[in-house]
Amino acid sequence: MRKFLTAFLIYGLPLPLLLYSLTVGPSQGLHFADYWDWGRAALAGNVDESSTKLFMINNIIENVRLPRVLLTFIIGAGLASSGGALQGIFRNPLVDPYVLGISSGSAFGAALAIAFPFININLAAFALGIVSVILTYSFAFSNKSASIVAVILSGMIVSGIFTASLTVVQYISDPYKLQAIVQWTMGNLHHASWDKLNTAALPVGAGIGGMCLMRWRLNLLALGEEEAKAVGVNPTADKAILVCLATLTTSTSVAAAGVISMYGLFIPHLTRMLVGPDNRRAMPANIFFGGSFLVIIDNFSRSLMEFEIPIGIFTMLLGAPFFLFLMKKSKINWV
């Protein structure tokens, strides 16, 4: 029974959740029955301008909510899978894209693109994300090796450098661009559109797909470099590929939605609590559960109050206490 409930929560929940999320929003005067009527009319192909209410609902869902829900799902899946991959690579539960400096570097690159529009936001975010990884490894290496502690400490230093650089960009920006950058750094999906979805879907999908294909290698890397070499795996090359895939996914997500704090840290823990530490099962679980959970958070962020709460703030306020509660209740340990 427990396995069935777990499987439904991870793989069965996304589709009904996505459909329900299309009805969530601040639209006045619309009820669930109206969406039901729209759904029947849409399936029958009878939605046209002759029915004002149905046509309005169709416009809201097609142009506002559907791209937002889909973008939220793929970003949640990307951040969760990136966090799970990085935690497996470095065999440390504290590692996530932010700790390694990827999120901060990507945020700085995207902020530069907002302040100076001639810069492509996705390319800037990815390039600075890669630079942050290179800097982290450069600072951590000593005597041709880098310990996990050194990598994490170096990542924190690099994060601090890029965070300070982001503050400089905010300081020199004009008031209108400053407002956009500040809202974006809090994590925001209210500007979601089909253009953003089309731009983000391919890079995030490629990153998720690559990490999913290499999920069995994560199990070998989690055993240690000597054990991985013993079975014919090149740990250095595999780590480099996985870090690049995680950087591509994270930087694209940051460029599309801003900085969504803590998400890549606590979701992989929750999926391991559900399916165990085997990455062959945990990676697909990160994709589906990570996408669904961020959609749930976004539903609350845009409907809980009269104004929309930036999703990055919401993930911090909701995610940290929720994760601590589960950790205490389940007495979770890193396996």
Protein backbone atom coordinates (compact mmCIF):
# COMPACT_ATOMS: atom_id res chain seq x y z
CA MET A 1 0.00 0.00 0.00
CA ARG A 2 2.84 2.38 0.89
CA LYS A 3 4.56 1.71 -2.45
CA PHE A 4 1.31 2.41 -4.29
CA LEU A 5 0.80 5.71 -2.45
CA THR A 6 4.42 6.71 -3.12
CA ALA A 7 4.12 5.87 -6.81
CA PHE A 8 0.88 7.83 -7.09
CA LEU A 9 2.36 10.84 -5.25
CA ILE A 10 5.34 10.95 -7.58
CA TYR A 11 4.02 9.78 -10.94
CA GLY A 12 0.23 10.00 -10.67
CA LEU A 13 -0.11 13.45 -9.11
CA PRO A 14 1.45 15.68 -11.80
CA LEU A 15 -1.27 15.45 -14.48
CA PRO A 16 -4.32 16.15 -12.23
CA LEU A 17 -2.30 18.81 -10.41
CA LEU A 18 -1.42 20.58 -13.66
CA LEU A 19 -5.04 20.50 -14.75
CA TYR A 20 -6.25 21.84 -11.41
CA SER A 21 -3.60 24.57 -11.44
CA LEU A 22 -5.17 25.99 -14.60
CA THR A 23 -8.15 27.01 -12.44
CA VAL A 24 -6.05 28.72 -9.75
CA GLY A 25 -5.71 32.47 -9.98
CA PRO A 26 -7.10 35.87 -9.03
CA SER A 27 -9.77 36.05 -11.77
CA GLN A 28 -12.91 37.58 -10.28
CA GLY A 29 -16.35 36.05 -10.79
CA LEU A 30 -15.13 32.70 -12.13
CA HIS A 31 -16.01 29.44 -10.38
CA PHE A 32 -15.02 25.84 -10.86
CA ALA A 33 -18.27 25.19 -12.73
CA ASP A 34 -17.24 27.81 -15.29
CA TYR A 35 -13.97 26.00 -15.92
CA TRP A 36 -15.89 22.74 -16.23
CA ASP A 37 -18.11 24.28 -18.89
CA TRP A 38 -15.03 25.62 -20.67
CA GLY A 39 -13.39 22.18 -20.61
CA ARG A 40 -16.41 20.53 -22.19
CA ALA A 41 -16.68 23.29 -24.79
CA ALA A 42 -12.94 23.09 -25.56
CA LEU A 43 -13.12 19.32 -26.09
CA ALA A 44 -16.09 19.82 -28.39
CA GLY A 45 -14.35 22.68 -30.23
CA ASN A 46 -17.13 25.14 -29.39
CA VAL A 47 -15.10 27.90 -27.75
CA ASP A 48 -15.53 31.07 -29.81
CA GLU A 49 -16.25 34.74 -29.35
CA SER A 50 -20.02 34.14 -29.24
CA SER A 51 -19.70 33.07 -25.59
CA THR A 52 -18.00 35.93 -23.78
CA LYS A 53 -17.29 34.06 -20.53
CA LEU A 54 -15.96 30.91 -22.21
CA PHE A 55 -13.82 32.97 -24.59
CA MET A 56 -12.41 34.93 -21.62
CA ILE A 57 -11.60 31.72 -19.73
CA ASN A 58 -9.96 30.28 -22.85
CA ASN A 59 -7.80 33.40 -23.19
CA ILE A 60 -6.79 33.32 -19.50
CA ILE A 61 -5.86 29.64 -19.58
CA GLU A 62 -4.17 29.61 -22.98
CA ASN A 63 -2.13 32.80 -22.70
CA VAL A 64 -1.57 33.24 -18.96
CA ARG A 65 -1.93 30.12 -16.86
CA LEU A 66 -0.90 27.26 -19.14
CA PRO A 67 2.58 28.66 -20.01
CA ARG A 68 3.09 29.57 -16.34
CA VAL A 69 2.13 26.12 -15.05
CA LEU A 70 4.31 24.33 -17.61
CA LEU A 71 7.27 26.66 -17.01
CA THR A 72 6.93 26.20 -13.25
CA PHE A 73 6.89 22.42 -13.62
CA ILE A 74 10.01 22.19 -15.80
CA ILE A 75 11.91 24.64 -13.57
CA GLY A 76 10.98 22.66 -10.46
CA ALA A 77 12.04 19.44 -12.18
CA GLY A 78 15.31 21.00 -13.33
CA LEU A 79 16.30 22.44 -9.96
CA ALA A 80 15.41 19.24 -8.09
CA SER A 81 17.29 16.97 -10.50
CA SER A 82 20.31 19.31 -10.50
CA GLY A 83 20.40 19.32 -6.70
CA GLY A 84 20.10 15.53 -6.57
CA ALA A 85 22.89 15.09 -9.13
CA LEU A 86 25.26 17.45 -7.32
CA GLN A 87 24.58 15.82 -3.96
CA GLY A 88 25.36 12.44 -5.52
CA ILE A 89 28.53 13.67 -7.22
CA PHE A 90 29.98 15.25 -4.09
CA ARG A 91 28.48 12.70 -1.68
CA ASN A 92 27.34 15.50 0.58
CA PRO A 93 23.77 16.46 1.60
CA LEU A 94 24.67 20.16 1.89
CA VAL A 95 25.55 20.59 -1.79
CA ASP A 96 23.15 22.32 -4.15
CA PRO A 97 23.50 24.74 -7.09
CA TYR A 98 23.68 27.71 -4.73
CA VAL A 99 26.44 26.27 -2.54
CA LEU A 100 28.67 25.66 -5.58
CA GLY A 101 28.09 29.23 -6.76
CA ILE A 102 26.11 28.21 -9.85
CA SER A 103 22.93 30.05 -8.84
CA SER A 104 24.79 33.19 -7.80
CA GLY A 105 26.90 33.26 -10.95
CA SER A 106 23.86 32.69 -13.15
CA ALA A 107 21.96 35.36 -11.23
CA PHE A 108 24.76 37.86 -11.82
CA GLY A 109 24.84 37.04 -15.53
CA ALA A 110 21.08 37.38 -15.89
CA ALA A 111 21.12 40.68 -13.94
CA LEU A 112 23.76 42.01 -16.34
CA ALA A 113 21.49 41.07 -19.25
CA ILE A 114 18.56 42.92 -17.62
CA ALA A 115 20.69 46.01 -16.98
CA PHE A 116 22.28 45.93 -20.45
CA PRO A 117 19.65 44.59 -22.91
CA PHE A 118 22.14 43.90 -25.72
CA ILE A 119 23.35 40.86 -23.70
CA ASN A 120 21.43 37.60 -24.18
CA ILE A 121 20.05 36.60 -20.78
CA ASN A 122 20.32 32.81 -21.26
CA LEU A 123 23.87 32.94 -22.62
CA ALA A 124 24.96 35.32 -19.86
CA ALA A 125 23.42 33.14 -17.14
CA PHE A 126 25.00 29.96 -18.50
CA ALA A 127 28.40 31.56 -19.11
CA LEU A 128 28.61 33.02 -15.60
CA GLY A 129 27.34 29.73 -14.17
CA ILE A 130 30.20 27.89 -15.87
CA VAL A 131 32.66 30.57 -14.69
CA SER A 132 31.45 30.11 -11.12
CA VAL A 133 32.06 26.33 -11.31
CA ILE A 134 35.55 26.88 -12.76
CA LEU A 135 36.38 29.38 -10.02
CA THR A 136 35.06 27.04 -7.33
CA TYR A 137 37.22 24.18 -8.55
CA SER A 138 40.25 26.45 -9.03
CA PHE A 139 40.03 27.74 -5.48
CA ALA A 140 39.45 24.26 -4.07
CA PHE A 141 42.28 22.42 -5.82
CA SER A 142 45.44 21.84 -3.84
CA ASN A 143 48.14 19.29 -4.72
CA LYS A 144 46.12 18.09 -7.72
CA SER A 145 43.10 17.18 -5.59
CA ALA A 146 40.12 18.88 -4.01
CA SER A 147 38.36 17.71 -0.87
CA ILE A 148 34.60 17.97 -0.49
CA VAL A 149 34.98 20.50 2.31
CA ALA A 150 37.30 22.65 0.17
CA VAL A 151 34.83 22.58 -2.75
CA ILE A 152 31.91 23.62 -0.52
CA LEU A 153 33.90 26.42 1.14
CA SER A 154 35.15 27.64 -2.23
CA GLY A 155 31.62 27.57 -3.57
CA MET A 156 30.43 29.71 -0.67
CA ILE A 157 33.22 32.22 -1.37
CA VAL A 158 32.35 32.33 -5.09
CA SER A 159 28.67 32.76 -4.20
CA GLY A 160 29.61 35.71 -2.01
CA ILE A 161 31.66 37.29 -4.79
CA PHE A 162 28.86 37.03 -7.34
CA THR A 163 26.25 38.17 -4.84
CA ALA A 164 28.33 41.29 -4.18
CA SER A 165 28.74 41.79 -7.94
CA LEU A 166 24.98 41.51 -8.34
CA THR A 167 24.56 44.24 -5.72
CA VAL A 168 26.90 46.48 -7.73
CA VAL A 169 24.75 45.94 -10.84
CA GLN A 170 21.67 46.88 -8.82
CA TYR A 171 23.42 50.00 -7.51
CA ILE A 172 24.37 51.32 -10.95
CA SER A 173 21.07 50.45 -12.66
CA ASP A 174 18.37 53.02 -13.32
CA PRO A 175 15.25 52.81 -11.09
CA TYR A 176 13.12 50.91 -13.61
CA LYS A 177 15.72 48.24 -14.27
CA LEU A 178 16.55 48.12 -10.56
CA GLN A 179 12.95 47.27 -9.75
CA ALA A 180 12.97 44.50 -12.37
CA ILE A 181 16.24 43.06 -11.04
CA VAL A 182 15.09 43.13 -7.41
CA GLN A 183 11.81 41.40 -8.23
CA TRP A 184 13.65 38.87 -10.36
CA THR A 185 16.20 38.05 -7.62
CA MET A 186 13.31 37.10 -5.31
CA GLY A 187 12.18 34.46 -7.79
CA ASN A 188 9.18 35.40 -9.85
CA LEU A 189 6.99 33.63 -12.36
CA HIS A 190 4.38 36.30 -13.02
CA HIS A 191 6.12 37.17 -16.32
CA ALA A 192 5.82 33.59 -17.59
CA SER A 193 4.89 33.41 -21.26
CA TRP A 194 5.07 31.07 -24.22
CA ASP A 195 8.26 32.82 -25.35
CA LYS A 196 9.95 32.15 -22.00
CA LEU A 197 8.69 28.57 -22.00
CA ASN A 198 9.99 27.96 -25.52
CA THR A 199 13.36 29.47 -24.59
CA ALA A 200 13.75 27.45 -21.39
CA ALA A 201 12.23 24.11 -22.40
CA LEU A 202 15.04 22.86 -24.67
CA PRO A 203 18.06 23.64 -22.41
CA VAL A 204 16.31 22.43 -19.25
CA GLY A 205 14.98 19.36 -21.04
CA ALA A 206 18.46 18.56 -22.40
CA GLY A 207 20.00 18.95 -18.93
CA ILE A 208 17.35 16.81 -17.24
CA GLY A 209 17.55 14.17 -19.98
CA GLY A 210 21.34 13.96 -19.75
CA MET A 211 21.32 13.63 -15.96
CA CYS A 212 18.58 11.01 -16.15
CA LEU A 213 20.56 8.96 -18.67
CA MET A 214 23.61 9.09 -16.38
CA ARG A 215 21.71 8.32 -13.18
CA TRP A 216 23.23 4.86 -12.83
CA ARG A 217 26.70 6.43 -12.97
CA LEU A 218 25.75 8.60 -10.00
CA ASN A 219 25.47 5.42 -7.94
CA LEU A 220 29.04 4.54 -8.88
CA LEU A 221 30.34 8.05 -8.19
CA ALA A 222 28.64 7.96 -4.79
CA LEU A 223 30.85 4.97 -3.87
CA GLY A 224 34.03 7.02 -4.33
CA GLU A 225 36.58 7.56 -7.10
CA GLU A 226 38.60 4.39 -6.48
CA GLU A 227 35.51 2.18 -6.55
CA ALA A 228 34.26 3.90 -9.72
CA LYS A 229 37.61 3.38 -11.45
CA ALA A 230 37.57 -0.27 -10.43
CA VAL A 231 34.47 -0.90 -12.56
CA GLY A 232 35.82 0.98 -15.58
CA VAL A 233 34.23 4.40 -15.01
CA ASN A 234 36.17 7.61 -15.50
CA PRO A 235 34.96 9.63 -12.48
CA THR A 236 36.63 12.89 -13.56
CA ALA A 237 34.96 12.91 -16.97
CA ASP A 238 31.58 11.84 -15.58
CA LYS A 239 31.68 14.52 -12.88
CA ALA A 240 32.55 17.18 -15.44
CA ILE A 241 29.65 16.14 -17.71
CA LEU A 242 27.16 16.01 -14.84
CA VAL A 243 28.27 19.37 -13.44
CA CYS A 244 27.90 20.95 -16.91
CA LEU A 245 24.42 19.46 -17.27
CA ALA A 246 23.44 20.71 -13.79
CA THR A 247 24.86 24.15 -14.64
CA LEU A 248 22.93 24.29 -17.94
CA THR A 249 19.69 23.36 -16.15
CA THR A 250 20.20 25.71 -13.22
CA SER A 251 21.34 28.71 -15.25
CA THR A 252 18.40 28.41 -17.65
CA SER A 253 16.00 28.13 -14.71
CA VAL A 254 17.54 31.19 -13.06
CA ALA A 255 17.32 33.15 -16.31
CA ALA A 256 13.64 32.25 -16.69
CA ALA A 257 12.38 32.63 -13.12
CA GLY A 258 15.06 34.26 -11.00
CA VAL A 259 16.62 32.83 -7.85
CA ILE A 260 14.41 30.17 -6.22
CA SER A 261 16.12 29.57 -2.89
CA MET A 262 16.67 26.19 -1.25
CA TYR A 263 14.68 24.20 -3.79
CA GLY A 264 17.60 22.19 -5.12
CA LEU A 265 18.62 21.40 -1.53
CA PHE A 266 15.53 20.00 0.19
CA ILE A 267 13.58 18.34 -2.64
CA PRO A 268 16.24 15.64 -3.26
CA HIS A 269 16.07 14.83 0.46
CA LEU A 270 12.31 14.39 0.29
CA THR A 271 12.53 12.11 -2.74
CA ARG A 272 15.17 9.97 -1.03
CA MET A 273 12.80 9.64 1.92
CA LEU A 274 10.14 8.39 -0.50
CA VAL A 275 12.09 6.10 -2.85
CA GLY A 276 15.48 5.56 -1.19
CA PRO A 277 19.02 6.60 -2.15
CA ASP A 278 19.24 4.61 -5.43
CA ASN A 279 19.66 7.31 -8.09
CA ARG A 280 18.09 5.08 -10.74
CA ARG A 281 14.80 5.67 -8.91
CA ALA A 282 15.59 8.96 -7.17
CA MET A 283 16.39 10.89 -10.35
CA PRO A 284 13.01 10.27 -12.07
CA ALA A 285 11.35 10.97 -8.71
CA ASN A 286 13.20 14.31 -8.50
CA ILE A 287 11.90 15.23 -11.95
CA PHE A 288 8.22 14.48 -11.33
CA PHE A 289 7.98 15.29 -7.63
CA GLY A 290 10.19 18.37 -7.98
CA GLY A 291 8.04 19.73 -10.78
CA SER A 292 4.78 19.00 -8.95
CA PHE A 293 5.91 20.48 -5.64
CA LEU A 294 6.96 23.77 -7.22
CA VAL A 295 3.58 23.97 -8.99
CA ILE A 296 1.89 23.55 -5.59
CA ILE A 297 4.04 26.31 -4.09
CA ASP A 298 3.29 28.58 -7.06
CA ASN A 299 -0.44 27.96 -6.63
CA PHE A 300 -0.19 29.20 -3.06
CA SER A 301 2.04 32.13 -4.01
CA ARG A 302 -0.50 33.50 -6.51
CA SER A 303 -3.71 32.76 -4.62
CA LEU A 304 -3.03 32.86 -0.88
CA MET A 305 -3.24 36.67 -0.66
CA GLU A 306 -4.60 39.49 -2.77
CA PHE A 307 -1.10 40.19 -4.07
CA GLU A 308 1.33 37.66 -5.46
CA ILE A 309 4.16 36.49 -3.20
CA PRO A 310 7.44 35.96 -5.10
CA ILE A 311 8.00 32.24 -5.30
CA GLY A 312 11.62 32.47 -4.13
CA ILE A 313 10.48 33.97 -0.84
CA PHE A 314 7.75 31.36 -0.59
CA THR A 315 10.15 28.44 -1.09
CA MET A 316 12.38 29.78 1.67
CA LEU A 317 9.54 30.44 4.13
CA LEU A 318 7.75 27.19 3.36
CA GLY A 319 10.60 24.89 2.39
CA ALA A 320 12.93 25.40 5.33
CA PRO A 321 10.41 24.70 8.15
CA PHE A 322 8.80 21.88 6.16
CA PHE A 323 12.14 20.21 5.56
CA LEU A 324 13.20 20.60 9.20
CA PHE A 325 9.87 19.11 10.34
CA LEU A 326 10.29 16.06 8.10
CA MET A 327 13.92 15.67 9.09
CA LYS A 328 13.05 15.63 12.82
CA LYS A 329 9.99 13.44 12.35
CA SER A 330 11.72 10.82 10.21
CA LYS A 331 15.15 11.15 11.86
CA ILE A 332 16.60 11.26 8.36
CA ASN A 333 20.29 10.54 7.90
CA TRP A 334 22.43 10.78 4.80
CA VAL A 335 22.78 7.33 3.27
